């Protein structure tokens, strides 16, 4: 069994990873951070410097994890930094930044979301359309999103991200159109692919358990 590390150990683990230039380890630390560890960084007066350093890091995965960290913990102090990442050079970072921006501002993010719904970048458009549907329960957004995801050459990453965005924000049991969409999608995906297993697992969970979404619309 993996031993749980004490909250006050987070800074030393970050520093050790930095010394070894192990950006993947820092990403894991941020992804697994607890409320107690966040408070430790606050108490040590290093939270701001950590966020500023990593949100502008050359490694795009670390930038994405940093904006996700901000959104997950609702750190509105860093809203300006999140907004800047909406224009990041990497499309994945931009998508994570949009979700973090929505986390921090709720319905006030709609103008930005609606603008990105028309983005030329498909990954960013998919994220925006999913969030727009979540916030507005807009049938037109869902139709546009479905059309993209049904394309023969659709990147499976788009399907994967939509699956988890819906699960994160919604009680999908109350949205039969989502369940039907993924049931239909599953018929056309080879069972050997990981995405097929993920969809199948998520469908079972949605049909079995009525749950409150982790984050509801503001």
N, C-alpha and C. Protein backbone atom coordinates (compact mmCIF):
# COMPACT_ATOMS: atom_id res chain seq x y z
N UNK A 1 0.85 -1.20 0.00
CA UNK A 1 0.00 0.00 0.00
C UNK A 1 0.88 1.25 0.00
N UNK A 2 0.52 2.19 -0.86
CA UNK A 2 1.31 3.42 -0.97
C UNK A 2 1.12 4.27 0.26
N UNK A 3 2.23 4.66 0.89
CA UNK A 3 2.16 5.45 2.12
C UNK A 3 1.76 6.88 1.82
N UNK A 4 0.81 7.37 2.62
CA UNK A 4 0.33 8.74 2.43
C UNK A 4 1.37 9.72 2.97
N UNK A 5 1.75 10.68 2.15
CA UNK A 5 2.76 11.63 2.56
C UNK A 5 2.14 12.77 3.36
N UNK A 6 2.84 13.29 4.38
CA UNK A 6 2.30 14.39 5.19
C UNK A 6 2.14 15.65 4.36
N UNK A 7 1.15 16.48 4.74
CA UNK A 7 0.85 17.69 3.96
C UNK A 7 2.05 18.62 3.88
N UNK A 8 2.83 18.71 4.97
CA UNK A 8 3.94 19.65 4.98
C UNK A 8 5.12 19.18 4.14
N UNK A 9 4.98 18.02 3.51
CA UNK A 9 6.04 17.46 2.68
C UNK A 9 5.94 17.93 1.23
N UNK A 10 4.83 18.58 0.87
CA UNK A 10 4.58 18.90 -0.53
C UNK A 10 5.65 19.81 -1.13
N UNK A 11 6.09 20.81 -0.36
CA UNK A 11 7.08 21.74 -0.91
C UNK A 11 8.41 21.04 -1.16
N UNK A 12 8.82 20.17 -0.25
CA UNK A 12 10.09 19.46 -0.44
C UNK A 12 10.01 18.51 -1.63
N UNK A 13 8.84 17.92 -1.86
CA UNK A 13 8.67 17.03 -3.01
C UNK A 13 8.71 17.82 -4.31
N UNK A 14 8.10 19.00 -4.31
CA UNK A 14 8.15 19.86 -5.49
C UNK A 14 9.59 20.29 -5.77
N UNK A 15 10.31 20.68 -4.71
CA UNK A 15 11.69 21.13 -4.89
C UNK A 15 12.58 20.01 -5.39
N UNK A 16 12.39 18.81 -4.85
CA UNK A 16 13.18 17.67 -5.29
C UNK A 16 12.93 17.36 -6.77
N UNK A 17 11.66 17.43 -7.17
CA UNK A 17 11.32 17.18 -8.57
C UNK A 17 11.91 18.26 -9.47
N UNK A 18 11.90 19.50 -9.01
CA UNK A 18 12.51 20.59 -9.78
C UNK A 18 14.02 20.38 -9.94
N UNK A 19 14.66 19.93 -8.86
CA UNK A 19 16.10 19.69 -8.91
C UNK A 19 16.46 18.63 -9.95
N UNK A 20 15.57 17.66 -10.11
CA UNK A 20 15.80 16.59 -11.07
C UNK A 20 15.14 16.86 -12.43
N UNK A 21 14.53 18.04 -12.54
CA UNK A 21 13.80 18.43 -13.76
C UNK A 21 12.77 17.37 -14.14
N UNK A 22 12.12 16.85 -13.11
CA UNK A 22 11.11 15.82 -13.31
C UNK A 22 9.73 16.48 -13.33
N UNK A 23 9.39 17.02 -14.51
CA UNK A 23 8.14 17.78 -14.63
C UNK A 23 6.91 16.88 -14.49
N UNK A 24 7.05 15.62 -14.87
CA UNK A 24 5.94 14.67 -14.72
C UNK A 24 5.60 14.47 -13.24
N UNK A 25 6.62 14.41 -12.40
CA UNK A 25 6.41 14.24 -10.96
C UNK A 25 5.68 15.45 -10.38
N UNK A 26 6.05 16.65 -10.83
CA UNK A 26 5.37 17.85 -10.33
C UNK A 26 3.91 17.84 -10.77
N UNK A 27 3.67 17.41 -12.00
CA UNK A 27 2.30 17.28 -12.49
C UNK A 27 1.50 16.34 -11.60
N UNK A 28 2.10 15.21 -11.23
CA UNK A 28 1.43 14.25 -10.36
C UNK A 28 1.15 14.85 -8.98
N UNK A 29 2.09 15.62 -8.47
CA UNK A 29 1.93 16.25 -7.16
C UNK A 29 0.74 17.20 -7.17
N UNK A 30 0.63 18.01 -8.23
CA UNK A 30 -0.48 18.95 -8.35
C UNK A 30 -1.81 18.21 -8.53
N UNK A 31 -1.79 17.15 -9.36
CA UNK A 31 -3.02 16.40 -9.62
C UNK A 31 -3.56 15.72 -8.36
N UNK A 32 -2.65 15.31 -7.48
CA UNK A 32 -3.04 14.56 -6.29
C UNK A 32 -3.11 15.43 -5.03
N UNK A 33 -2.89 16.72 -5.18
CA UNK A 33 -2.84 17.62 -4.02
C UNK A 33 -4.16 17.63 -3.24
N UNK A 34 -4.04 17.71 -1.94
CA UNK A 34 -5.21 17.77 -1.05
C UNK A 34 -5.41 19.19 -0.55
N UNK A 35 -6.54 19.41 0.08
CA UNK A 35 -6.84 20.73 0.67
C UNK A 35 -5.79 21.09 1.72
N UNK A 36 -5.37 20.10 2.51
CA UNK A 36 -4.35 20.34 3.53
C UNK A 36 -3.03 20.77 2.92
N UNK A 37 -2.67 20.14 1.79
CA UNK A 37 -1.42 20.51 1.13
C UNK A 37 -1.51 21.90 0.52
N UNK A 38 -2.68 22.24 0.00
CA UNK A 38 -2.88 23.60 -0.51
C UNK A 38 -2.69 24.61 0.62
N UNK A 39 -3.29 24.34 1.76
CA UNK A 39 -3.16 25.25 2.91
C UNK A 39 -1.72 25.34 3.40
N UNK A 40 -0.98 24.24 3.28
CA UNK A 40 0.44 24.26 3.65
C UNK A 40 1.20 25.24 2.78
N UNK A 41 0.94 25.20 1.47
CA UNK A 41 1.61 26.14 0.56
C UNK A 41 1.23 27.58 0.89
N UNK A 42 -0.04 27.78 1.27
CA UNK A 42 -0.48 29.12 1.68
C UNK A 42 0.26 29.56 2.94
N UNK A 43 0.28 28.67 3.93
CA UNK A 43 0.91 29.01 5.22
C UNK A 43 2.39 29.31 5.08
N UNK A 44 3.01 28.68 4.10
CA UNK A 44 4.45 28.90 3.88
C UNK A 44 4.71 30.06 2.93
N UNK A 45 3.61 30.73 2.52
CA UNK A 45 3.71 31.90 1.64
C UNK A 45 4.43 31.61 0.33
N UNK A 46 4.20 30.41 -0.21
CA UNK A 46 4.85 30.05 -1.48
C UNK A 46 3.84 29.70 -2.57
N UNK A 47 2.54 29.70 -2.23
CA UNK A 47 1.54 29.30 -3.22
C UNK A 47 1.60 30.16 -4.47
N UNK A 48 1.70 31.48 -4.28
CA UNK A 48 1.70 32.39 -5.42
C UNK A 48 2.92 32.16 -6.32
N UNK A 49 4.09 31.98 -5.71
CA UNK A 49 5.30 31.78 -6.52
C UNK A 49 5.26 30.44 -7.25
N UNK A 50 4.69 29.41 -6.61
CA UNK A 50 4.57 28.10 -7.24
C UNK A 50 3.65 28.19 -8.46
N UNK A 51 2.50 28.84 -8.28
CA UNK A 51 1.54 28.98 -9.38
C UNK A 51 2.14 29.78 -10.53
N UNK A 52 2.75 30.89 -10.22
CA UNK A 52 3.33 31.74 -11.27
C UNK A 52 4.42 31.01 -12.05
N UNK A 53 5.23 30.25 -11.34
CA UNK A 53 6.32 29.53 -12.00
C UNK A 53 5.79 28.46 -12.94
N UNK A 54 4.82 27.67 -12.46
CA UNK A 54 4.38 26.51 -13.23
C UNK A 54 3.37 26.84 -14.32
N UNK A 55 2.62 27.92 -14.17
CA UNK A 55 1.63 28.24 -15.19
C UNK A 55 2.28 28.83 -16.44
N UNK A 56 3.54 29.21 -16.32
CA UNK A 56 4.28 29.73 -17.48
C UNK A 56 5.45 28.81 -17.85
N UNK A 57 5.41 27.59 -17.33
CA UNK A 57 6.50 26.64 -17.56
C UNK A 57 6.57 26.23 -19.03
N UNK A 58 7.77 25.84 -19.48
CA UNK A 58 7.93 25.43 -20.89
C UNK A 58 7.23 24.11 -21.19
N UNK A 59 6.99 23.28 -20.16
CA UNK A 59 6.32 22.00 -20.35
C UNK A 59 4.80 22.21 -20.34
N UNK A 60 4.14 21.93 -21.47
CA UNK A 60 2.72 22.24 -21.59
C UNK A 60 1.86 21.40 -20.66
N UNK A 61 2.29 20.18 -20.36
CA UNK A 61 1.51 19.33 -19.46
C UNK A 61 1.48 19.95 -18.06
N UNK A 62 2.59 20.52 -17.65
CA UNK A 62 2.65 21.18 -16.34
C UNK A 62 1.79 22.44 -16.32
N UNK A 63 1.78 23.17 -17.43
CA UNK A 63 0.90 24.36 -17.51
C UNK A 63 -0.57 23.93 -17.39
N UNK A 64 -0.93 22.85 -18.09
CA UNK A 64 -2.31 22.36 -18.05
C UNK A 64 -2.69 21.92 -16.64
N UNK A 65 -1.78 21.22 -15.97
CA UNK A 65 -2.05 20.76 -14.60
C UNK A 65 -2.20 21.93 -13.64
N UNK A 66 -1.45 22.99 -13.90
CA UNK A 66 -1.51 24.15 -13.01
C UNK A 66 -2.85 24.88 -13.13
N UNK A 67 -3.35 25.06 -14.34
CA UNK A 67 -4.66 25.71 -14.48
C UNK A 67 -5.76 24.80 -13.94
N UNK A 68 -5.60 23.48 -14.11
CA UNK A 68 -6.57 22.55 -13.54
C UNK A 68 -6.57 22.65 -12.01
N UNK A 69 -5.39 22.75 -11.42
CA UNK A 69 -5.22 22.90 -9.98
C UNK A 69 -5.95 24.16 -9.49
N UNK A 70 -5.78 25.25 -10.21
CA UNK A 70 -6.43 26.51 -9.85
C UNK A 70 -7.95 26.37 -9.87
N UNK A 71 -8.46 25.76 -10.94
CA UNK A 71 -9.90 25.58 -11.05
C UNK A 71 -10.46 24.63 -10.02
N UNK A 72 -9.76 23.54 -9.79
CA UNK A 72 -10.21 22.51 -8.85
C UNK A 72 -10.39 23.08 -7.44
N UNK A 73 -9.46 23.93 -7.04
CA UNK A 73 -9.51 24.50 -5.69
C UNK A 73 -10.18 25.87 -5.64
N UNK A 74 -10.70 26.33 -6.79
CA UNK A 74 -11.43 27.60 -6.81
C UNK A 74 -10.58 28.80 -6.41
N UNK A 75 -9.35 28.85 -6.89
CA UNK A 75 -8.41 29.91 -6.51
C UNK A 75 -8.62 31.15 -7.38
N UNK A 76 -9.63 31.93 -7.05
CA UNK A 76 -10.01 33.07 -7.88
C UNK A 76 -8.94 34.16 -7.93
N UNK A 77 -8.03 34.13 -6.98
CA UNK A 77 -6.93 35.09 -6.97
C UNK A 77 -6.12 35.01 -8.27
N UNK A 78 -6.12 33.83 -8.88
CA UNK A 78 -5.30 33.60 -10.07
C UNK A 78 -6.12 33.62 -11.35
N UNK A 79 -7.29 34.24 -11.31
CA UNK A 79 -8.17 34.28 -12.48
C UNK A 79 -7.48 34.92 -13.69
N UNK A 80 -6.74 35.99 -13.46
CA UNK A 80 -6.05 36.67 -14.56
C UNK A 80 -5.05 35.74 -15.25
N UNK A 81 -4.37 34.92 -14.47
CA UNK A 81 -3.42 33.97 -15.04
C UNK A 81 -4.13 32.91 -15.87
N UNK A 82 -5.29 32.46 -15.39
CA UNK A 82 -6.08 31.48 -16.13
C UNK A 82 -6.55 32.07 -17.45
N UNK A 83 -7.03 33.31 -17.42
CA UNK A 83 -7.50 33.97 -18.64
C UNK A 83 -6.37 34.07 -19.67
N UNK A 84 -5.17 34.31 -19.19
CA UNK A 84 -4.02 34.41 -20.11
C UNK A 84 -3.77 33.07 -20.81
N UNK A 85 -4.01 31.97 -20.11
CA UNK A 85 -3.78 30.64 -20.69
C UNK A 85 -4.85 30.26 -21.71
N UNK A 86 -5.93 31.02 -21.79
CA UNK A 86 -6.92 30.80 -22.84
C UNK A 86 -6.31 31.05 -24.22
N UNK A 87 -5.16 31.72 -24.22
CA UNK A 87 -4.46 32.03 -25.47
C UNK A 87 -3.11 31.32 -25.53
N UNK A 88 -2.99 30.24 -24.76
CA UNK A 88 -1.75 29.46 -24.74
C UNK A 88 -1.46 28.90 -26.13
N UNK A 89 -0.19 28.64 -26.40
CA UNK A 89 0.20 28.09 -27.70
C UNK A 89 -0.25 26.64 -27.88
N UNK A 90 -0.57 25.96 -26.76
CA UNK A 90 -0.96 24.56 -26.80
C UNK A 90 -2.47 24.43 -26.63
N UNK A 91 -3.14 23.68 -27.50
CA UNK A 91 -4.60 23.57 -27.48
C UNK A 91 -5.12 22.85 -26.23
N UNK A 92 -4.35 21.89 -25.72
CA UNK A 92 -4.78 21.19 -24.51
C UNK A 92 -4.79 22.14 -23.32
N UNK A 93 -3.76 22.96 -23.22
CA UNK A 93 -3.71 23.95 -22.14
C UNK A 93 -4.89 24.90 -22.26
N UNK A 94 -5.21 25.31 -23.47
CA UNK A 94 -6.34 26.22 -23.67
C UNK A 94 -7.65 25.58 -23.20
N UNK A 95 -7.83 24.30 -23.48
CA UNK A 95 -9.05 23.61 -23.05
C UNK A 95 -9.12 23.52 -21.52
N UNK A 96 -8.01 23.18 -20.89
CA UNK A 96 -7.98 23.13 -19.43
C UNK A 96 -8.22 24.51 -18.83
N UNK A 97 -7.67 25.53 -19.49
CA UNK A 97 -7.87 26.90 -19.01
C UNK A 97 -9.34 27.30 -19.10
N UNK A 98 -10.01 26.87 -20.17
CA UNK A 98 -11.42 27.20 -20.32
C UNK A 98 -12.25 26.54 -19.22
N UNK A 99 -11.94 25.29 -18.90
CA UNK A 99 -12.66 24.61 -17.82
C UNK A 99 -12.38 25.28 -16.47
N UNK A 100 -11.14 25.67 -16.25
CA UNK A 100 -10.79 26.35 -15.00
C UNK A 100 -11.49 27.71 -14.93
N UNK A 101 -11.54 28.40 -16.06
CA UNK A 101 -12.23 29.70 -16.11
C UNK A 101 -13.71 29.53 -15.77
N UNK A 102 -14.31 28.47 -16.27
CA UNK A 102 -15.71 28.17 -15.95
C UNK A 102 -15.86 27.82 -14.48
N UNK A 103 -14.91 27.08 -13.95
CA UNK A 103 -14.94 26.74 -12.52
C UNK A 103 -14.94 28.00 -11.66
N UNK A 104 -14.15 28.97 -12.06
CA UNK A 104 -13.96 30.17 -11.25
C UNK A 104 -15.06 31.21 -11.43
N UNK A 105 -15.71 31.22 -12.58
CA UNK A 105 -16.65 32.31 -12.87
C UNK A 105 -18.07 31.85 -13.17
N UNK A 106 -18.28 30.56 -13.40
CA UNK A 106 -19.61 30.05 -13.67
C UNK A 106 -20.24 30.64 -14.92
N UNK A 107 -21.50 31.07 -14.82
CA UNK A 107 -22.24 31.58 -15.97
C UNK A 107 -21.59 32.82 -16.58
N UNK A 108 -20.79 33.54 -15.80
CA UNK A 108 -20.11 34.72 -16.33
C UNK A 108 -19.10 34.35 -17.42
N UNK A 109 -18.76 33.07 -17.48
CA UNK A 109 -17.82 32.61 -18.51
C UNK A 109 -18.48 32.41 -19.86
N UNK A 110 -19.81 32.51 -19.93
CA UNK A 110 -20.53 32.21 -21.16
C UNK A 110 -20.06 32.98 -22.40
N UNK A 111 -19.81 34.28 -22.31
CA UNK A 111 -19.34 34.98 -23.52
C UNK A 111 -18.05 34.38 -24.09
N UNK A 112 -17.15 34.01 -23.21
CA UNK A 112 -15.89 33.40 -23.66
C UNK A 112 -16.17 32.00 -24.22
N UNK A 113 -17.00 31.24 -23.53
CA UNK A 113 -17.35 29.89 -24.00
C UNK A 113 -18.00 29.95 -25.37
N UNK A 114 -18.94 30.88 -25.54
CA UNK A 114 -19.65 31.00 -26.82
C UNK A 114 -18.71 31.41 -27.94
N UNK A 115 -17.74 32.23 -27.63
CA UNK A 115 -16.75 32.62 -28.65
C UNK A 115 -15.94 31.41 -29.09
N UNK A 116 -15.52 30.58 -28.12
CA UNK A 116 -14.69 29.42 -28.43
C UNK A 116 -15.51 28.30 -29.07
N UNK A 117 -16.83 28.35 -28.93
CA UNK A 117 -17.69 27.38 -29.62
C UNK A 117 -17.51 27.46 -31.14
N UNK A 118 -16.97 28.58 -31.61
CA UNK A 118 -16.73 28.77 -33.05
C UNK A 118 -15.25 28.71 -33.41
N UNK A 119 -14.45 28.19 -32.47
CA UNK A 119 -13.01 28.12 -32.70
C UNK A 119 -12.67 27.19 -33.86
N UNK A 120 -11.61 27.52 -34.57
CA UNK A 120 -11.14 26.66 -35.65
C UNK A 120 -10.48 25.41 -35.09
N UNK A 121 -10.03 25.49 -33.84
CA UNK A 121 -9.40 24.33 -33.21
C UNK A 121 -10.49 23.41 -32.68
N UNK A 122 -10.55 22.18 -33.18
CA UNK A 122 -11.62 21.26 -32.84
C UNK A 122 -11.63 20.90 -31.36
N UNK A 123 -10.46 20.66 -30.78
CA UNK A 123 -10.39 20.28 -29.36
C UNK A 123 -10.98 21.36 -28.48
N UNK A 124 -10.64 22.61 -28.76
CA UNK A 124 -11.17 23.72 -27.97
C UNK A 124 -12.66 23.91 -28.20
N UNK A 125 -13.09 23.70 -29.45
CA UNK A 125 -14.52 23.82 -29.77
C UNK A 125 -15.33 22.76 -29.04
N UNK A 126 -14.80 21.54 -28.98
CA UNK A 126 -15.48 20.44 -28.28
C UNK A 126 -15.66 20.78 -26.80
N UNK A 127 -14.60 21.25 -26.17
CA UNK A 127 -14.67 21.62 -24.76
C UNK A 127 -15.71 22.72 -24.53
N UNK A 128 -15.68 23.73 -25.39
CA UNK A 128 -16.61 24.86 -25.25
C UNK A 128 -18.06 24.43 -25.46
N UNK A 129 -18.31 23.61 -26.46
CA UNK A 129 -19.68 23.15 -26.73
C UNK A 129 -20.21 22.30 -25.57
N UNK A 130 -19.34 21.46 -24.99
CA UNK A 130 -19.75 20.65 -23.84
C UNK A 130 -20.10 21.54 -22.65
N UNK A 131 -19.28 22.55 -22.39
CA UNK A 131 -19.55 23.45 -21.27
C UNK A 131 -20.79 24.30 -21.51
N UNK A 132 -20.99 24.69 -22.77
CA UNK A 132 -22.17 25.48 -23.11
C UNK A 132 -23.44 24.66 -22.89
N UNK A 133 -23.40 23.40 -23.29
CA UNK A 133 -24.55 22.53 -23.06
C UNK A 133 -24.79 22.35 -21.57
N UNK A 134 -23.74 22.18 -20.79
CA UNK A 134 -23.85 22.00 -19.34
C UNK A 134 -24.48 23.22 -18.68
N UNK A 135 -24.03 24.39 -19.08
CA UNK A 135 -24.52 25.62 -18.44
C UNK A 135 -25.91 26.01 -18.90
N UNK A 136 -26.21 25.81 -20.20
CA UNK A 136 -27.47 26.29 -20.76
C UNK A 136 -28.46 25.18 -21.08
N UNK A 137 -28.02 23.92 -21.00
CA UNK A 137 -28.85 22.78 -21.42
C UNK A 137 -29.39 23.03 -22.82
N UNK A 138 -28.47 23.44 -23.68
CA UNK A 138 -28.81 23.90 -25.01
C UNK A 138 -28.74 22.75 -26.03
N UNK A 139 -29.90 22.43 -26.62
CA UNK A 139 -29.97 21.32 -27.58
C UNK A 139 -29.09 21.56 -28.80
N UNK A 140 -29.03 22.82 -29.23
CA UNK A 140 -28.24 23.14 -30.41
C UNK A 140 -26.75 22.87 -30.16
N UNK A 141 -26.28 23.19 -28.97
CA UNK A 141 -24.88 22.92 -28.61
C UNK A 141 -24.61 21.43 -28.63
N UNK A 142 -25.55 20.66 -28.10
CA UNK A 142 -25.37 19.20 -28.06
C UNK A 142 -25.35 18.61 -29.47
N UNK A 143 -26.20 19.15 -30.34
CA UNK A 143 -26.23 18.67 -31.73
C UNK A 143 -24.92 18.97 -32.44
N UNK A 144 -24.39 20.17 -32.24
CA UNK A 144 -23.11 20.54 -32.87
C UNK A 144 -21.98 19.67 -32.34
N UNK A 145 -22.00 19.43 -31.03
CA UNK A 145 -20.99 18.60 -30.41
C UNK A 145 -21.07 17.16 -30.94
N UNK A 146 -22.29 16.64 -31.00
CA UNK A 146 -22.50 15.27 -31.49
C UNK A 146 -22.02 15.11 -32.93
N UNK A 147 -22.28 16.12 -33.74
CA UNK A 147 -21.88 16.07 -35.14
C UNK A 147 -20.36 15.95 -35.28
N UNK A 148 -19.63 16.68 -34.44
CA UNK A 148 -18.17 16.60 -34.47
C UNK A 148 -17.70 15.21 -34.03
N UNK A 149 -18.30 14.72 -32.95
CA UNK A 149 -17.85 13.45 -32.38
C UNK A 149 -18.23 12.23 -33.21
N UNK A 150 -19.20 12.41 -34.12
CA UNK A 150 -19.63 11.30 -34.98
C UNK A 150 -18.84 11.20 -36.28
N UNK A 151 -17.97 12.15 -36.51
CA UNK A 151 -17.18 12.11 -37.73
C UNK A 151 -16.30 10.86 -37.75
N UNK A 152 -16.15 10.29 -38.93
CA UNK A 152 -15.37 9.05 -39.07
C UNK A 152 -13.93 9.23 -38.60
N UNK A 153 -13.39 10.39 -38.84
CA UNK A 153 -12.00 10.63 -38.46
C UNK A 153 -11.88 11.46 -37.18
N UNK A 154 -12.90 11.39 -36.36
CA UNK A 154 -12.88 12.13 -35.10
C UNK A 154 -11.76 11.59 -34.21
N UNK A 155 -11.00 12.50 -33.65
CA UNK A 155 -9.94 12.14 -32.71
C UNK A 155 -10.59 11.56 -31.44
N UNK A 156 -10.18 10.36 -31.06
CA UNK A 156 -10.76 9.71 -29.89
C UNK A 156 -10.56 10.53 -28.61
N UNK A 157 -9.55 11.39 -28.61
CA UNK A 157 -9.32 12.24 -27.44
C UNK A 157 -10.50 13.19 -27.22
N UNK A 158 -11.16 13.61 -28.32
CA UNK A 158 -12.32 14.49 -28.18
C UNK A 158 -13.47 13.74 -27.50
N UNK A 159 -13.65 12.50 -27.89
CA UNK A 159 -14.70 11.67 -27.29
C UNK A 159 -14.40 11.44 -25.81
N UNK A 160 -13.15 11.17 -25.54
CA UNK A 160 -12.70 10.90 -24.17
C UNK A 160 -12.94 12.12 -23.27
N UNK A 161 -12.52 13.29 -23.74
CA UNK A 161 -12.67 14.50 -22.92
C UNK A 161 -14.14 14.84 -22.67
N UNK A 162 -14.98 14.66 -23.71
CA UNK A 162 -16.41 14.93 -23.55
C UNK A 162 -17.03 14.00 -22.52
N UNK A 163 -16.65 12.73 -22.56
CA UNK A 163 -17.15 11.73 -21.62
C UNK A 163 -16.91 12.18 -20.18
N UNK A 164 -15.69 12.63 -19.91
CA UNK A 164 -15.33 12.97 -18.55
C UNK A 164 -15.80 14.37 -18.14
N UNK A 165 -15.94 15.27 -19.09
CA UNK A 165 -16.50 16.59 -18.76
C UNK A 165 -17.95 16.43 -18.32
N UNK A 166 -18.73 15.65 -19.07
CA UNK A 166 -20.13 15.42 -18.71
C UNK A 166 -20.24 14.73 -17.35
N UNK A 167 -19.40 13.74 -17.14
CA UNK A 167 -19.47 13.01 -15.86
C UNK A 167 -19.10 13.91 -14.69
N UNK A 168 -18.18 14.83 -14.92
CA UNK A 168 -17.70 15.71 -13.85
C UNK A 168 -18.77 16.71 -13.41
N UNK A 169 -19.51 17.25 -14.38
CA UNK A 169 -20.43 18.33 -14.06
C UNK A 169 -21.90 17.91 -13.90
N UNK A 170 -22.29 16.81 -14.49
CA UNK A 170 -23.72 16.49 -14.57
C UNK A 170 -24.10 15.21 -13.85
N UNK A 171 -25.35 15.14 -13.46
CA UNK A 171 -25.97 13.86 -13.10
C UNK A 171 -26.49 13.31 -14.42
N UNK A 172 -25.65 12.54 -15.08
CA UNK A 172 -25.94 12.12 -16.46
C UNK A 172 -27.19 11.25 -16.53
N UNK A 173 -27.55 10.62 -15.44
CA UNK A 173 -28.77 9.80 -15.43
C UNK A 173 -29.99 10.64 -15.82
N UNK A 174 -29.90 11.93 -15.58
CA UNK A 174 -31.00 12.83 -15.93
C UNK A 174 -30.89 13.36 -17.35
N UNK A 175 -29.91 12.90 -18.10
CA UNK A 175 -29.69 13.36 -19.48
C UNK A 175 -29.62 12.15 -20.39
N UNK A 176 -30.79 11.64 -20.76
CA UNK A 176 -30.85 10.42 -21.56
C UNK A 176 -30.18 10.57 -22.92
N UNK A 177 -30.16 11.80 -23.45
CA UNK A 177 -29.55 12.02 -24.75
C UNK A 177 -28.04 11.74 -24.71
N UNK A 178 -27.41 12.02 -23.56
CA UNK A 178 -25.99 11.75 -23.42
C UNK A 178 -25.73 10.25 -23.36
N UNK A 179 -26.54 9.56 -22.58
CA UNK A 179 -26.40 8.11 -22.47
C UNK A 179 -26.59 7.45 -23.83
N UNK A 180 -27.63 7.88 -24.56
CA UNK A 180 -27.90 7.29 -25.88
C UNK A 180 -26.76 7.56 -26.84
N UNK A 181 -26.22 8.78 -26.78
CA UNK A 181 -25.11 9.12 -27.68
C UNK A 181 -23.93 8.19 -27.45
N UNK A 182 -23.55 7.97 -26.21
CA UNK A 182 -22.40 7.12 -25.93
C UNK A 182 -22.70 5.64 -26.15
N UNK A 183 -23.94 5.24 -25.99
CA UNK A 183 -24.33 3.87 -26.34
C UNK A 183 -24.14 3.63 -27.83
N UNK A 184 -24.56 4.61 -28.64
CA UNK A 184 -24.41 4.51 -30.09
C UNK A 184 -22.94 4.56 -30.50
N UNK A 185 -22.19 5.44 -29.83
CA UNK A 185 -20.76 5.58 -30.14
C UNK A 185 -20.02 4.27 -29.86
N UNK A 186 -20.42 3.62 -28.79
CA UNK A 186 -19.76 2.39 -28.38
C UNK A 186 -19.88 1.27 -29.43
N UNK A 187 -20.97 1.30 -30.19
CA UNK A 187 -21.20 0.27 -31.22
C UNK A 187 -20.18 0.35 -32.35
N UNK A 188 -19.59 1.53 -32.53
CA UNK A 188 -18.68 1.73 -33.66
C UNK A 188 -17.21 1.80 -33.25
N UNK A 189 -16.92 1.47 -31.99
CA UNK A 189 -15.55 1.53 -31.50
C UNK A 189 -15.06 0.12 -31.19
N UNK A 190 -13.90 -0.28 -31.71
CA UNK A 190 -13.36 -1.61 -31.39
C UNK A 190 -13.25 -1.83 -29.88
N UNK A 191 -13.71 -2.97 -29.42
CA UNK A 191 -13.73 -3.25 -27.98
C UNK A 191 -12.34 -3.26 -27.36
N UNK A 192 -11.34 -3.46 -28.18
CA UNK A 192 -9.97 -3.53 -27.67
C UNK A 192 -9.41 -2.17 -27.27
N UNK A 193 -10.02 -1.08 -27.74
CA UNK A 193 -9.53 0.26 -27.44
C UNK A 193 -9.89 0.65 -26.01
N UNK A 194 -9.00 1.38 -25.37
CA UNK A 194 -9.23 1.83 -23.99
C UNK A 194 -10.47 2.70 -23.89
N UNK A 195 -10.73 3.53 -24.90
CA UNK A 195 -11.88 4.42 -24.86
C UNK A 195 -13.18 3.62 -24.80
N UNK A 196 -13.22 2.46 -25.46
CA UNK A 196 -14.41 1.62 -25.43
C UNK A 196 -14.66 1.11 -24.01
N UNK A 197 -13.59 0.72 -23.35
CA UNK A 197 -13.70 0.24 -21.98
C UNK A 197 -14.14 1.36 -21.04
N UNK A 198 -13.62 2.56 -21.27
CA UNK A 198 -13.99 3.70 -20.43
C UNK A 198 -15.47 4.08 -20.61
N UNK A 199 -15.92 4.08 -21.86
CA UNK A 199 -17.32 4.40 -22.14
C UNK A 199 -18.23 3.37 -21.51
N UNK A 200 -17.90 2.11 -21.68
CA UNK A 200 -18.71 1.03 -21.13
C UNK A 200 -18.79 1.13 -19.61
N UNK A 201 -17.66 1.41 -18.98
CA UNK A 201 -17.62 1.56 -17.52
C UNK A 201 -18.45 2.74 -17.06
N UNK A 202 -18.35 3.86 -17.80
CA UNK A 202 -19.09 5.06 -17.43
C UNK A 202 -20.59 4.86 -17.62
N UNK A 203 -20.98 4.18 -18.69
CA UNK A 203 -22.40 3.91 -18.93
C UNK A 203 -22.99 3.09 -17.80
N UNK A 204 -22.25 2.09 -17.34
CA UNK A 204 -22.73 1.26 -16.23
C UNK A 204 -22.91 2.10 -14.97
N UNK A 205 -21.97 3.00 -14.73
CA UNK A 205 -22.05 3.87 -13.55
C UNK A 205 -23.24 4.82 -13.64
N UNK A 206 -23.42 5.41 -14.83
CA UNK A 206 -24.52 6.37 -15.01
C UNK A 206 -25.88 5.71 -14.82
N UNK A 207 -26.01 4.49 -15.33
CA UNK A 207 -27.31 3.80 -15.26
C UNK A 207 -27.60 3.26 -13.86
N UNK A 208 -26.54 3.00 -13.14
CA UNK A 208 -26.69 2.38 -11.82
C UNK A 208 -26.88 3.39 -10.71
N UNK A 209 -26.11 4.44 -10.76
CA UNK A 209 -26.07 5.37 -9.64
C UNK A 209 -26.60 6.75 -10.00
N UNK A 210 -27.54 7.22 -9.21
CA UNK A 210 -27.96 8.61 -9.33
C UNK A 210 -27.07 9.40 -8.41
N UNK A 211 -26.36 10.35 -8.95
CA UNK A 211 -25.42 11.10 -8.14
C UNK A 211 -25.56 12.58 -8.39
N UNK A 212 -25.11 13.35 -7.44
CA UNK A 212 -25.02 14.79 -7.64
C UNK A 212 -23.74 15.07 -8.38
N UNK A 213 -23.77 15.99 -9.36
CA UNK A 213 -22.53 16.33 -10.06
C UNK A 213 -21.54 16.92 -9.10
N UNK A 214 -20.25 16.71 -9.37
CA UNK A 214 -19.21 17.25 -8.50
C UNK A 214 -19.27 18.77 -8.46
N UNK A 215 -19.58 19.35 -9.60
CA UNK A 215 -19.64 20.82 -9.67
C UNK A 215 -20.90 21.18 -10.45
N UNK A 216 -21.76 21.96 -9.87
CA UNK A 216 -22.98 22.36 -10.56
C UNK A 216 -22.80 23.75 -11.17
N UNK A 217 -23.69 24.07 -12.10
CA UNK A 217 -23.63 25.39 -12.72
C UNK A 217 -23.87 26.45 -11.68
N UNK A 218 -23.14 27.54 -11.83
CA UNK A 218 -23.28 28.62 -10.83
C UNK A 218 -24.50 29.47 -11.14
